[in-house]
Amino acid sequence: MPSPKADRPEPTFIQNARREQLIECAVDVIAEAGVEKASFVRIAERAGISRGVISYHFGTREELLDGVVQLVYALGEQEVGPLVRAAGSSREALLEFVSGSIMFYAAYPLHMKALSAIFAAAPARSERSEHGAEMLEVHTLLEAGQRSGQYRSFDARIMTMTIRAALDAAVWRVAAGDDAATLANELRRTFDAATRSDDR
């Protein structure tokens, strides 16, 4: 039996705009009150609409939370992706990814707080295609740098996990008030030293 979501027609421009507005309101409520208190009623109050409007656009609360996750990853790609693609080498692309990610965290504090709260409430980040794509991109940059001689020999998978762990810590440090530019520069130096070839 097809799901109600599968029966819905393609959303119009206005409907997409409304969905985006509701997702942004959900970001604000989650960042302010936490995931558990981010009910349709509370989000509707923030948006100045009835609860039924949210139910029309998002069949379940989980669907709305999924929309928040998708939005944050899309914003990250929008902000960091061009920096990585414009880099002249795999080494520089990796460093731009590291520092660009931290500056993104600082530019979107509420979005990062909401995303962290969602993953803390239901730890399934590793199952997200967006997360997998990000990890694969870093892994690919590391392997490309090794092939070109820019990087020393190391386990690219372990290094990818280490970079992700450092960036996760940076999310919390930025939220706690640490200077994002200082963190970005420090982690750039750290991972440049950890990966570069001894010949460089």
Protein backbone atom coordinates (compact mmCIF):
# COMPACT_ATOMS: atom_id res chain seq x y z
CA MET A 1 0.00 0.00 0.00
CA PRO A 2 1.58 3.37 -1.00
CA SER A 3 2.34 5.86 1.75
CA PRO A 4 0.43 9.16 1.97
CA LYS A 5 3.69 10.96 1.21
CA ALA A 6 4.08 9.01 -2.05
CA ASP A 7 0.60 10.14 -3.13
CA ARG A 8 1.34 13.85 -2.71
CA PRO A 9 1.80 15.94 -5.87
CA GLU A 10 5.05 17.79 -6.41
CA PRO A 11 5.10 20.88 -4.14
CA THR A 12 4.69 24.30 -5.72
CA PHE A 13 7.15 27.18 -5.30
CA ILE A 14 4.94 28.68 -2.58
CA GLN A 15 4.67 25.34 -0.78
CA ASN A 16 8.45 24.92 -0.89
CA ALA A 17 8.87 28.42 0.54
CA ARG A 18 6.45 27.56 3.35
CA ARG A 19 8.32 24.32 4.08
CA GLU A 20 11.60 26.22 4.28
CA GLN A 21 10.02 28.74 6.66
CA LEU A 22 8.75 25.96 8.92
CA ILE A 23 12.14 24.23 8.92
CA GLU A 24 13.81 27.49 9.94
CA CYS A 25 11.25 27.90 12.74
CA ALA A 26 12.01 24.33 13.83
CA VAL A 27 15.72 25.21 13.93
CA ASP A 28 14.98 28.14 16.24
CA VAL A 29 12.76 26.11 18.57
CA ILE A 30 15.15 23.13 18.77
CA ALA A 31 18.12 25.41 19.44
CA GLU A 32 16.14 27.23 22.12
CA ALA A 33 14.20 24.43 23.83
CA GLY A 34 15.72 21.13 22.68
CA VAL A 35 14.39 18.33 20.51
CA GLU A 36 11.93 16.90 23.01
CA LYS A 37 10.10 20.21 23.40
CA ALA A 38 10.07 20.99 19.68
CA SER A 39 6.47 19.97 19.11
CA PHE A 40 4.33 20.86 16.11
CA VAL A 41 2.33 23.15 18.41
CA ARG A 42 5.39 25.04 19.60
CA ILE A 43 6.83 25.38 16.11
CA ALA A 44 3.46 26.53 14.78
CA GLU A 45 3.33 29.21 17.48
CA ARG A 46 6.80 30.41 16.45
CA ALA A 47 5.69 30.55 12.80
CA GLY A 48 2.39 32.26 13.66
CA ILE A 49 0.28 29.55 12.00
CA SER A 50 -2.00 26.71 13.04
CA ARG A 51 -0.66 23.26 13.84
CA GLY A 52 -2.58 21.89 10.87
CA VAL A 53 -0.42 23.85 8.44
CA ILE A 54 2.68 22.01 9.68
CA SER A 55 0.87 18.66 9.48
CA TYR A 56 -0.01 19.45 5.87
CA HIS A 57 3.61 20.03 4.90
CA PHE A 58 5.22 17.44 7.19
CA GLY A 59 3.28 14.26 7.87
CA THR A 60 5.31 13.45 10.98
CA ARG A 61 7.62 15.18 13.41
CA GLU A 62 10.43 12.93 12.18
CA GLU A 63 9.91 14.24 8.66
CA LEU A 64 10.30 17.80 9.92
CA LEU A 65 13.46 16.92 11.85
CA ASP A 66 14.79 15.25 8.72
CA GLY A 67 14.16 18.52 6.91
CA VAL A 68 16.29 20.33 9.49
CA VAL A 69 19.17 17.90 8.97
CA GLN A 70 18.94 18.23 5.19
CA LEU A 71 18.90 22.04 5.46
CA VAL A 72 22.03 22.22 7.62
CA TYR A 73 24.01 19.92 5.34
CA ALA A 74 22.83 21.89 2.30
CA LEU A 75 23.97 25.13 3.91
CA GLY A 76 27.32 23.54 4.71
CA GLU A 77 27.78 22.51 1.09
CA GLN A 78 26.76 25.98 -0.03
CA GLU A 79 29.32 27.65 2.24
CA VAL A 80 32.22 25.19 2.23
CA GLY A 81 31.86 23.39 -1.10
CA PRO A 82 33.04 26.29 -3.30
CA LEU A 83 36.15 26.75 -1.14
CA VAL A 84 37.10 23.11 -1.55
CA ARG A 85 36.43 23.04 -5.29
CA ALA A 86 38.42 26.25 -5.89
CA ALA A 87 41.52 24.90 -4.13
CA GLY A 88 44.51 24.24 -6.37
CA SER A 89 45.54 20.92 -4.84
CA SER A 90 44.25 18.05 -2.70
CA ARG A 91 46.30 19.36 0.22
CA GLU A 92 44.83 22.86 -0.01
CA ALA A 93 41.33 21.45 -0.57
CA LEU A 94 41.55 19.51 2.68
CA LEU A 95 42.74 22.56 4.60
CA GLU A 96 39.94 24.66 3.10
CA PHE A 97 37.44 21.99 4.16
CA VAL A 98 38.75 22.07 7.73
CA SER A 99 38.85 25.85 8.17
CA GLY A 100 35.74 26.46 6.06
CA SER A 101 33.75 24.02 8.20
CA ILE A 102 34.70 25.83 11.39
CA MET A 103 33.81 29.23 9.96
CA PHE A 104 30.48 27.73 8.86
CA TYR A 105 29.82 26.60 12.44
CA ALA A 106 30.40 30.16 13.61
CA ALA A 107 28.18 31.66 10.91
CA TYR A 108 25.22 29.34 11.69
CA PRO A 109 25.27 28.76 15.46
CA LEU A 110 21.54 28.02 15.82
CA HIS A 111 21.58 25.57 12.93
CA MET A 112 24.56 23.73 14.39
CA LYS A 113 22.98 23.67 17.85
CA ALA A 114 19.78 22.21 16.39
CA LEU A 115 21.68 19.63 14.33
CA SER A 116 23.75 18.56 17.35
CA ALA A 117 20.58 18.26 19.44
CA ILE A 118 18.89 16.08 16.82
CA PHE A 119 21.86 13.72 16.55
CA ALA A 120 22.21 13.61 20.35
CA ALA A 121 18.55 12.64 20.73
CA ALA A 122 18.69 9.96 18.04
CA PRO A 123 22.32 9.09 17.26
CA ALA A 124 22.08 8.00 13.65
CA ARG A 125 24.45 10.39 11.91
CA SER A 126 26.50 7.51 10.52
CA GLU A 127 23.40 6.31 8.68
CA ARG A 128 22.79 9.63 6.92
CA SER A 129 23.72 9.78 3.25
CA GLU A 130 24.86 13.39 3.73
CA HIS A 131 27.33 12.35 6.42
CA GLY A 132 28.56 9.45 4.33
CA ALA A 133 29.13 11.73 1.34
CA GLU A 134 31.12 14.18 3.47
CA MET A 135 33.31 11.42 4.91
CA LEU A 136 33.88 9.98 1.45
CA GLU A 137 34.93 13.39 0.12
CA VAL A 138 37.55 13.79 2.85
CA HIS A 139 38.78 10.22 2.35
CA THR A 140 39.06 10.84 -1.40
CA LEU A 141 41.06 14.05 -0.86
CA LEU A 142 43.47 12.22 1.41
CA GLU A 143 44.02 9.38 -1.04
CA ALA A 144 44.48 11.82 -3.93
CA GLY A 145 47.07 13.71 -1.91
CA GLN A 146 48.94 10.50 -1.20
CA ARG A 147 48.96 9.52 -4.87
CA SER A 148 50.34 12.94 -5.85
CA GLY A 149 53.05 12.84 -3.17
CA GLN A 150 51.60 15.74 -1.18
CA TYR A 151 50.88 13.49 1.80
CA ARG A 152 52.90 10.93 3.67
CA SER A 153 51.80 7.31 3.97
CA PHE A 154 49.01 6.84 6.53
CA ASP A 155 45.68 5.06 6.92
CA ALA A 156 43.27 7.40 5.11
CA ARG A 157 40.26 5.96 6.91
CA ILE A 158 41.71 6.63 10.36
CA MET A 159 42.79 10.12 9.33
CA THR A 160 39.29 10.85 8.00
CA MET A 161 37.79 9.78 11.32
CA THR A 162 40.34 11.91 13.20
CA ILE A 163 39.49 15.00 11.15
CA ARG A 164 35.78 14.45 11.74
CA ALA A 165 36.35 14.05 15.50
CA ALA A 166 38.37 17.29 15.61
CA LEU A 167 35.64 19.15 13.74
CA ASP A 168 33.00 17.74 16.09
CA ALA A 169 35.01 19.13 19.00
CA ALA A 170 35.27 22.46 17.17
CA VAL A 171 31.48 22.66 16.97
CA TRP A 172 31.31 22.64 20.75
CA ARG A 173 34.25 25.00 21.19
CA VAL A 174 32.70 27.56 18.83
CA ALA A 175 29.38 27.24 20.66
CA ALA A 176 31.22 27.81 23.95
CA GLY A 177 32.63 31.09 22.66
CA ASP A 178 36.08 30.18 21.35
CA ASP A 179 37.30 32.33 18.45
CA ALA A 180 36.45 30.51 15.23
CA ALA A 181 39.33 31.98 13.22
CA THR A 182 41.86 30.88 15.85
CA LEU A 183 40.40 27.37 15.90
CA ALA A 184 40.37 27.21 12.11
CA ASN A 185 44.00 28.29 11.81
CA GLU A 186 45.13 25.88 14.53
CA LEU A 187 43.38 22.90 12.98
CA ARG A 188 44.70 23.81 9.54
CA ARG A 189 48.25 23.73 10.94
CA THR A 190 47.53 20.54 12.88
CA PHE A 191 46.27 18.53 9.93
CA ASP A 192 48.80 20.00 7.53
CA ALA A 193 51.56 18.78 9.86
CA ALA A 194 49.82 15.42 10.38
CA THR A 195 49.41 14.64 6.69
CA ARG A 196 52.11 16.34 4.64
CA SER A 197 54.96 14.45 3.07
CA ASP A 198 58.35 14.69 4.76
CA ASP A 199 59.66 16.02 1.44
CA ARG A 200 57.51 19.18 1.78
